[in-house]
Amino acid sequence: GARLPKSSETSVELMDHAGNVRSLNEISMNGF
């Protein structure tokens, strides 16, 4: 969005504490 446009930095994949992999360009859900 306008707040944080897509870039090479936001496309970097990261792993969370549960082993799920995603970038800032993708859905992030705190299911609990």
PDB file of all heavy atoms in Angstrom:
ATOM      1  N   GLY A   1       0.830  -1.197   0.000  1.00  0.00           N
ATOM      2  CA  GLY A   1       0.000   0.000   0.000  1.00  0.00           C
ATOM      3  C   GLY A   1       0.868   1.252   0.000  1.00  0.00           C
ATOM      4  O   GLY A   1       2.088   1.191  -0.142  1.00  0.00           O
ATOM      5  N   ALA A   2       0.231   2.397   0.193  1.00  0.00           N
ATOM      6  CA  ALA A   2       0.951   3.661   0.190  1.00  0.00           C
ATOM      7  C   ALA A   2       1.857   3.810   1.408  1.00  0.00           C
ATOM      8  O   ALA A   2       2.893   4.474   1.356  1.00  0.00           O
ATOM      9  CB  ALA A   2      -0.038   4.834   0.132  1.00  0.00           C
ATOM     10  N   ARG A   3       1.489   3.184   2.530  1.00  0.00           N
ATOM     11  CA  ARG A   3       2.280   3.292   3.755  1.00  0.00           C
ATOM     12  C   ARG A   3       3.632   2.613   3.601  1.00  0.00           C
ATOM     13  O   ARG A   3       4.666   3.126   4.034  1.00  0.00           O
ATOM     14  CB  ARG A   3       1.507   2.680   4.926  1.00  0.00           C
ATOM     15  CG  ARG A   3       2.240   2.680   6.266  1.00  0.00           C
ATOM     16  CD  ARG A   3       2.430   4.072   6.810  1.00  0.00           C
ATOM     17  NE  ARG A   3       1.146   4.735   7.004  1.00  0.00           N
ATOM     18  CZ  ARG A   3       1.002   6.022   7.299  1.00  0.00           C
ATOM     19  NH1 ARG A   3       2.078   6.786   7.420  1.00  0.00           N
ATOM     20  NH2 ARG A   3      -0.203   6.540   7.460  1.00  0.00           N
ATOM     21  N   LEU A   4       3.636   1.431   2.976  1.00  0.00           N
ATOM     22  CA  LEU A   4       4.863   0.675   2.777  1.00  0.00           C
ATOM     23  C   LEU A   4       4.807   0.014   1.402  1.00  0.00           C
ATOM     24  O   LEU A   4       4.365  -1.120   1.256  1.00  0.00           O
ATOM     25  CB  LEU A   4       5.024  -0.394   3.874  1.00  0.00           C
ATOM     26  CG  LEU A   4       6.293  -1.256   3.812  1.00  0.00           C
ATOM     27  CD1 LEU A   4       7.545  -0.400   3.960  1.00  0.00           C
ATOM     28  CD2 LEU A   4       6.259  -2.329   4.901  1.00  0.00           C
ATOM     29  N   PRO A   5       5.249   0.736   0.370  1.00  0.00           N
ATOM     30  CA  PRO A   5       5.200   0.184  -0.992  1.00  0.00           C
ATOM     31  C   PRO A   5       6.078  -1.063  -1.120  1.00  0.00           C
ATOM     32  O   PRO A   5       7.036  -1.248  -0.378  1.00  0.00           O
ATOM     33  CB  PRO A   5       5.757   1.326  -1.848  1.00  0.00           C
ATOM     34  CG  PRO A   5       5.551   2.564  -1.029  1.00  0.00           C
ATOM     35  CD  PRO A   5       5.734   2.124   0.397  1.00  0.00           C
ATOM     36  N   LYS A   6       5.728  -1.921  -2.078  1.00  0.00           N
ATOM     37  CA  LYS A   6       6.546  -3.107  -2.337  1.00  0.00           C
ATOM     38  C   LYS A   6       7.931  -2.699  -2.808  1.00  0.00           C
ATOM     39  O   LYS A   6       8.101  -1.724  -3.543  1.00  0.00           O
ATOM     40  CB  LYS A   6       5.891  -3.988  -3.401  1.00  0.00           C
ATOM     41  CG  LYS A   6       4.684  -4.758  -2.922  1.00  0.00           C
ATOM     42  CD  LYS A   6       4.182  -5.688  -4.024  1.00  0.00           C
ATOM     43  CE  LYS A   6       2.984  -6.505  -3.554  1.00  0.00           C
ATOM     44  NZ  LYS A   6       2.505  -7.415  -4.619  1.00  0.00           N
ATOM     45  N   SER A   7       8.925  -3.440  -2.373  1.00  0.00           N
ATOM     46  CA  SER A   7      10.306  -3.163  -2.764  1.00  0.00           C
ATOM     47  C   SER A   7      11.097  -4.457  -2.644  1.00  0.00           C
ATOM     48  O   SER A   7      10.579  -5.494  -2.218  1.00  0.00           O
ATOM     49  CB  SER A   7      10.913  -2.097  -1.840  1.00  0.00           C
ATOM     50  OG  SER A   7      11.023  -2.597  -0.511  1.00  0.00           O
ATOM     51  N   SER A   8      12.359  -4.402  -2.989  1.00  0.00           N
ATOM     52  CA  SER A   8      13.208  -5.585  -2.843  1.00  0.00           C
ATOM     53  C   SER A   8      13.318  -5.973  -1.370  1.00  0.00           C
ATOM     54  O   SER A   8      13.426  -7.153  -1.027  1.00  0.00           O
ATOM     55  CB  SER A   8      14.597  -5.312  -3.426  1.00  0.00           C
ATOM     56  OG  SER A   8      15.194  -4.175  -2.814  1.00  0.00           O
ATOM     57  N   GLU A   9      13.271  -4.974  -0.486  1.00  0.00           N
ATOM     58  CA  GLU A   9      13.364  -5.246   0.944  1.00  0.00           C
ATOM     59  C   GLU A   9      12.111  -5.959   1.464  1.00  0.00           C
ATOM     60  O   GLU A   9      12.192  -6.889   2.266  1.00  0.00           O
ATOM     61  CB  GLU A   9      13.573  -3.946   1.740  1.00  0.00           C
ATOM     62  CG  GLU A   9      14.957  -3.331   1.605  1.00  0.00           C
ATOM     63  CD  GLU A   9      15.135  -2.551   0.311  1.00  0.00           C
ATOM     64  OE1 GLU A   9      14.115  -2.334  -0.393  1.00  0.00           O
ATOM     65  OE2 GLU A   9      16.273  -2.183  -0.011  1.00  0.00           O
ATOM     66  N   THR A  10      10.931  -5.525   1.004  1.00  0.00           N
ATOM     67  CA  THR A  10       9.709  -6.144   1.493  1.00  0.00           C
ATOM     68  C   THR A  10       9.484  -7.534   0.887  1.00  0.00           C
ATOM     69  O   THR A  10       8.635  -8.291   1.362  1.00  0.00           O
ATOM     70  CB  THR A  10       8.472  -5.280   1.186  1.00  0.00           C
ATOM     71  OG1 THR A  10       8.275  -5.198  -0.234  1.00  0.00           O
ATOM     72  CG2 THR A  10       8.635  -3.884   1.772  1.00  0.00           C
ATOM     73  N   SER A  11      10.247  -7.856  -0.153  1.00  0.00           N
ATOM     74  CA  SER A  11      10.106  -9.158  -0.817  1.00  0.00           C
ATOM     75  C   SER A  11      10.955 -10.250  -0.172  1.00  0.00           C
ATOM     76  O   SER A  11      10.836 -11.425  -0.539  1.00  0.00           O
ATOM     77  CB  SER A  11      10.480  -9.039  -2.296  1.00  0.00           C
ATOM     78  OG  SER A  11       9.652  -8.104  -2.956  1.00  0.00           O
ATOM     79  N   VAL A  12      11.784  -9.877   0.780  1.00  0.00           N
ATOM     80  CA  VAL A  12      12.647 -10.850   1.447  1.00  0.00           C
ATOM     81  C   VAL A  12      11.798 -11.788   2.311  1.00  0.00           C
ATOM     82  O   VAL A  12      10.976 -11.340   3.107  1.00  0.00           O
ATOM     83  CB  VAL A  12      13.702 -10.140   2.328  1.00  0.00           C
ATOM     84  CG1 VAL A  12      14.511 -11.159   3.133  1.00  0.00           C
ATOM     85  CG2 VAL A  12      14.625  -9.298   1.458  1.00  0.00           C
ATOM     86  N   GLU A  13      12.008 -13.088   2.160  1.00  0.00           N
ATOM     87  CA  GLU A  13      11.269 -14.060   2.943  1.00  0.00           C
ATOM     88  C   GLU A  13      11.850 -14.176   4.352  1.00  0.00           C
ATOM     89  O   GLU A  13      13.064 -14.215   4.533  1.00  0.00           O
ATOM     90  CB  GLU A  13      11.287 -15.431   2.269  1.00  0.00           C
ATOM     91  CG  GLU A  13      10.511 -15.491   0.965  1.00  0.00           C
ATOM     92  CD  GLU A  13      10.434 -16.900   0.394  1.00  0.00           C
ATOM     93  OE1 GLU A  13      11.324 -17.720   0.716  1.00  0.00           O
ATOM     94  OE2 GLU A  13       9.500 -17.172  -0.375  1.00  0.00           O
ATOM     95  N   LEU A  14      10.942 -14.244   5.334  1.00  0.00           N
ATOM     96  CA  LEU A  14      11.330 -14.364   6.734  1.00  0.00           C
ATOM     97  C   LEU A  14      10.606 -15.554   7.351  1.00  0.00           C
ATOM     98  O   LEU A  14       9.496 -15.900   6.944  1.00  0.00           O
ATOM     99  CB  LEU A  14      10.968 -13.087   7.492  1.00  0.00           C
ATOM    100  CG  LEU A  14      11.532 -11.774   6.944  1.00  0.00           C
ATOM    101  CD1 LEU A  14      10.866 -10.584   7.625  1.00  0.00           C
ATOM    102  CD2 LEU A  14      13.043 -11.729   7.120  1.00  0.00           C
ATOM    103  N   MET A  15      11.220 -16.162   8.347  1.00  0.00           N
ATOM    104  CA  MET A  15      10.594 -17.284   9.035  1.00  0.00           C
ATOM    105  C   MET A  15      10.179 -16.859  10.432  1.00  0.00           C
ATOM    106  O   MET A  15      10.948 -16.230  11.160  1.00  0.00           O
ATOM    107  CB  MET A  15      11.556 -18.474   9.124  1.00  0.00           C
ATOM    108  CG  MET A  15      10.951 -19.706   9.814  1.00  0.00           C
ATOM    109  SD  MET A  15      12.099 -21.113   9.912  1.00  0.00           S
ATOM    110  CE  MET A  15      12.191 -21.587   8.185  1.00  0.00           C
ATOM    111  N   ASP A  16       8.933 -17.181  10.813  1.00  0.00           N
ATOM    112  CA  ASP A  16       8.474 -16.831  12.148  1.00  0.00           C
ATOM    113  C   ASP A  16       8.830 -17.927  13.149  1.00  0.00           C
ATOM    114  O   ASP A  16       9.439 -18.940  12.792  1.00  0.00           O
ATOM    115  CB  ASP A  16       6.974 -16.514  12.155  1.00  0.00           C
ATOM    116  CG  ASP A  16       6.096 -17.736  11.876  1.00  0.00           C
ATOM    117  OD1 ASP A  16       6.608 -18.866  11.902  1.00  0.00           O
ATOM    118  OD2 ASP A  16       4.881 -17.542  11.655  1.00  0.00           O
ATOM    119  N   HIS A  17       8.403 -17.753  14.403  1.00  0.00           N
ATOM    120  CA  HIS A  17       8.770 -18.677  15.465  1.00  0.00           C
ATOM    121  C   HIS A  17       8.197 -20.080  15.257  1.00  0.00           C
ATOM    122  O   HIS A  17       8.712 -21.064  15.785  1.00  0.00           O
ATOM    123  CB  HIS A  17       8.287 -18.137  16.822  1.00  0.00           C
ATOM    124  CG  HIS A  17       6.798 -18.113  16.956  1.00  0.00           C
ATOM    125  ND1 HIS A  17       6.006 -17.133  16.373  1.00  0.00           N
ATOM    126  CD2 HIS A  17       5.947 -18.962  17.592  1.00  0.00           C
ATOM    127  CE1 HIS A  17       4.745 -17.377  16.663  1.00  0.00           C
ATOM    128  NE2 HIS A  17       4.675 -18.484  17.391  1.00  0.00           N
ATOM    129  N   ALA A  18       7.116 -20.171  14.443  1.00  0.00           N
ATOM    130  CA  ALA A  18       6.476 -21.470  14.207  1.00  0.00           C
ATOM    131  C   ALA A  18       6.984 -22.149  12.943  1.00  0.00           C
ATOM    132  O   ALA A  18       6.499 -23.222  12.584  1.00  0.00           O
ATOM    133  CB  ALA A  18       4.966 -21.300  14.141  1.00  0.00           C
ATOM    134  N   GLY A  19       7.925 -21.506  12.264  1.00  0.00           N
ATOM    135  CA  GLY A  19       8.500 -22.091  11.054  1.00  0.00           C
ATOM    136  C   GLY A  19       7.777 -21.709   9.773  1.00  0.00           C
ATOM    137  O   GLY A  19       8.093 -22.239   8.702  1.00  0.00           O
ATOM    138  N   ASN A  20       6.809 -20.789   9.853  1.00  0.00           N
ATOM    139  CA  ASN A  20       6.117 -20.323   8.656  1.00  0.00           C
ATOM    140  C   ASN A  20       6.966 -19.286   7.932  1.00  0.00           C
ATOM    141  O   ASN A  20       7.558 -18.400   8.570  1.00  0.00           O
ATOM    142  CB  ASN A  20       4.765 -19.701   9.026  1.00  0.00           C
ATOM    143  CG  ASN A  20       3.837 -20.703   9.673  1.00  0.00           C
ATOM    144  OD1 ASN A  20       3.555 -21.746   9.104  1.00  0.00           O
ATOM    145  ND2 ASN A  20       3.372 -20.391  10.877  1.00  0.00           N
ATOM    146  N   VAL A  21       7.010 -19.390   6.622  1.00  0.00           N
ATOM    147  CA  VAL A  21       7.826 -18.488   5.808  1.00  0.00           C
ATOM    148  C   VAL A  21       6.915 -17.555   5.021  1.00  0.00           C
ATOM    149  O   VAL A  21       5.954 -17.985   4.380  1.00  0.00           O
ATOM    150  CB  VAL A  21       8.720 -19.291   4.841  1.00  0.00           C
ATOM    151  CG1 VAL A  21       9.503 -18.344   3.928  1.00  0.00           C
ATOM    152  CG2 VAL A  21       9.667 -20.193   5.614  1.00  0.00           C
ATOM    153  N   ARG A  22       7.226 -16.256   5.061  1.00  0.00           N
ATOM    154  CA  ARG A  22       6.479 -15.271   4.286  1.00  0.00           C
ATOM    155  C   ARG A  22       7.291 -13.987   4.180  1.00  0.00           C
ATOM    156  O   ARG A  22       8.210 -13.749   4.978  1.00  0.00           O
ATOM    157  CB  ARG A  22       5.128 -14.984   4.951  1.00  0.00           C
ATOM    158  CG  ARG A  22       5.225 -14.263   6.276  1.00  0.00           C
ATOM    159  CD  ARG A  22       3.865 -14.009   6.902  1.00  0.00           C
ATOM    160  NE  ARG A  22       3.298 -15.205   7.485  1.00  0.00           N
ATOM    161  CZ  ARG A  22       3.480 -15.567   8.762  1.00  0.00           C
ATOM    162  NH1 ARG A  22       4.240 -14.825   9.570  1.00  0.00           N
ATOM    163  NH2 ARG A  22       2.937 -16.656   9.239  1.00  0.00           N
ATOM    164  N   SER A  23       6.938 -13.153   3.211  1.00  0.00           N
ATOM    165  CA  SER A  23       7.523 -11.819   3.103  1.00  0.00           C
ATOM    166  C   SER A  23       6.500 -10.790   3.552  1.00  0.00           C
ATOM    167  O   SER A  23       5.336 -11.131   3.823  1.00  0.00           O
ATOM    168  CB  SER A  23       7.943 -11.533   1.656  1.00  0.00           C
ATOM    169  OG  SER A  23       6.806 -11.277   0.853  1.00  0.00           O
ATOM    170  N   LEU A  24       6.906  -9.544   3.606  1.00  0.00           N
ATOM    171  CA  LEU A  24       5.980  -8.481   3.998  1.00  0.00           C
ATOM    172  C   LEU A  24       4.932  -8.217   2.920  1.00  0.00           C
ATOM    173  O   LEU A  24       3.942  -7.521   3.175  1.00  0.00           O
ATOM    174  CB  LEU A  24       6.754  -7.194   4.296  1.00  0.00           C
ATOM    175  CG  LEU A  24       7.708  -7.235   5.498  1.00  0.00           C
ATOM    176  CD1 LEU A  24       8.442  -5.910   5.639  1.00  0.00           C
ATOM    177  CD2 LEU A  24       6.951  -7.564   6.781  1.00  0.00           C
ATOM    178  N   ASN A  25       5.126  -8.792   1.730  1.00  0.00           N
ATOM    179  CA  ASN A  25       4.166  -8.625   0.640  1.00  0.00           C
ATOM    180  C   ASN A  25       3.004  -9.624   0.730  1.00  0.00           C
ATOM    181  O   ASN A  25       2.095  -9.580  -0.102  1.00  0.00           O
ATOM    182  CB  ASN A  25       4.847  -8.824  -0.720  1.00  0.00           C
ATOM    183  CG  ASN A  25       5.949  -7.814  -0.966  1.00  0.00           C
ATOM    184  OD1 ASN A  25       5.941  -6.728  -0.403  1.00  0.00           O
ATOM    185  ND2 ASN A  25       6.897  -8.172  -1.816  1.00  0.00           N
ATOM    186  N   GLU A  26       3.062 -10.515   1.708  1.00  0.00           N
ATOM    187  CA  GLU A  26       2.105 -11.611   1.780  1.00  0.00           C
ATOM    188  C   GLU A  26       1.321 -11.590   3.091  1.00  0.00           C
ATOM    189  O   GLU A  26       1.693 -10.884   4.034  1.00  0.00           O
ATOM    190  CB  GLU A  26       2.848 -12.934   1.610  1.00  0.00           C
ATOM    191  CG  GLU A  26       3.472 -13.064   0.220  1.00  0.00           C
ATOM    192  CD  GLU A  26       4.664 -13.997   0.165  1.00  0.00           C
ATOM    193  OE1 GLU A  26       5.337 -14.197   1.198  1.00  0.00           O
ATOM    194  OE2 GLU A  26       4.918 -14.525  -0.931  1.00  0.00           O
ATOM    195  N   ILE A  27       0.250 -12.377   3.129  1.00  0.00           N
ATOM    196  CA  ILE A  27      -0.615 -12.390   4.301  1.00  0.00           C
ATOM    197  C   ILE A  27       0.155 -12.836   5.540  1.00  0.00           C
ATOM    198  O   ILE A  27       0.863 -13.839   5.525  1.00  0.00           O
ATOM    199  CB  ILE A  27      -1.815 -13.330   4.082  1.00  0.00           C
ATOM    200  CG1 ILE A  27      -2.774 -12.728   3.050  1.00  0.00           C
ATOM    201  CG2 ILE A  27      -2.570 -13.575   5.397  1.00  0.00           C
ATOM    202  CD1 ILE A  27      -3.930 -13.640   2.679  1.00  0.00           C
ATOM    203  N   SER A  28      -0.006 -12.075   6.595  1.00  0.00           N
ATOM    204  CA  SER A  28       0.528 -12.430   7.911  1.00  0.00           C
ATOM    205  C   SER A  28      -0.659 -12.576   8.860  1.00  0.00           C
ATOM    206  O   SER A  28      -1.429 -11.629   9.044  1.00  0.00           O
ATOM    207  CB  SER A  28       1.478 -11.340   8.413  1.00  0.00           C
ATOM    208  OG  SER A  28       1.872 -11.597   9.743  1.00  0.00           O
ATOM    209  N   MET A  29      -0.825 -13.758   9.431  1.00  0.00           N
ATOM    210  CA  MET A  29      -1.974 -14.013  10.288  1.00  0.00           C
ATOM    211  C   MET A  29      -1.545 -14.591  11.626  1.00  0.00           C
ATOM    212  O   MET A  29      -0.839 -15.593  11.673  1.00  0.00           O
ATOM    213  CB  MET A  29      -2.947 -14.997   9.600  1.00  0.00           C
ATOM    214  CG  MET A  29      -4.197 -15.295  10.418  1.00  0.00           C
ATOM    215  SD  MET A  29      -5.319 -16.463   9.599  1.00  0.00           S
ATOM    216  CE  MET A  29      -4.368 -18.000   9.757  1.00  0.00           C
ATOM    217  N   ASN A  30      -1.948 -13.910  12.683  1.00  0.00           N
ATOM    218  CA  ASN A  30      -1.751 -14.433  14.033  1.00  0.00           C
ATOM    219  C   ASN A  30      -3.023 -15.202  14.383  1.00  0.00           C
ATOM    220  O   ASN A  30      -3.986 -14.646  14.911  1.00  0.00           O
ATOM    221  CB  ASN A  30      -1.516 -13.288  15.025  1.00  0.00           C
ATOM    222  CG  ASN A  30      -1.230 -13.785  16.433  1.00  0.00           C
ATOM    223  OD1 ASN A  30      -1.645 -14.881  16.817  1.00  0.00           O
ATOM    224  ND2 ASN A  30      -0.532 -12.984  17.218  1.00  0.00           N
ATOM    225  N   GLY A  31      -3.027 -16.490  14.037  1.00  0.00           N
ATOM    226  CA  GLY A  31      -4.234 -17.297  14.162  1.00  0.00           C
ATOM    227  C   GLY A  31      -4.797 -17.353  15.561  1.00  0.00           C
ATOM    228  O   GLY A  31      -6.018 -17.248  15.751  1.00  0.00           O
ATOM    229  N   PHE A  32      -3.934 -17.485  16.558  1.00  0.00           N
ATOM    230  CA  PHE A  32      -4.418 -17.586  17.933  1.00  0.00           C
ATOM    231  C   PHE A  32      -5.063 -16.289  18.388  1.00  0.00           C
ATOM    232  O   PHE A  32      -6.114 -16.303  19.048  1.00  0.00           O
ATOM    233  CB  PHE A  32      -3.280 -17.953  18.880  1.00  0.00           C
ATOM    234  CG  PHE A  32      -3.714 -18.064  20.321  1.00  0.00           C
ATOM    235  CD1 PHE A  32      -4.409 -19.182  20.756  1.00  0.00           C
ATOM    236  CD2 PHE A  32      -3.439 -17.048  21.230  1.00  0.00           C
ATOM    237  CE1 PHE A  32      -4.839 -19.286  22.079  1.00  0.00           C
ATOM    238  CE2 PHE A  32      -3.863 -17.142  22.550  1.00  0.00           C
ATOM    239  CZ  PHE A  32      -4.558 -18.264  22.977  1.00  0.00           C
TER     240      PHE A  32
END
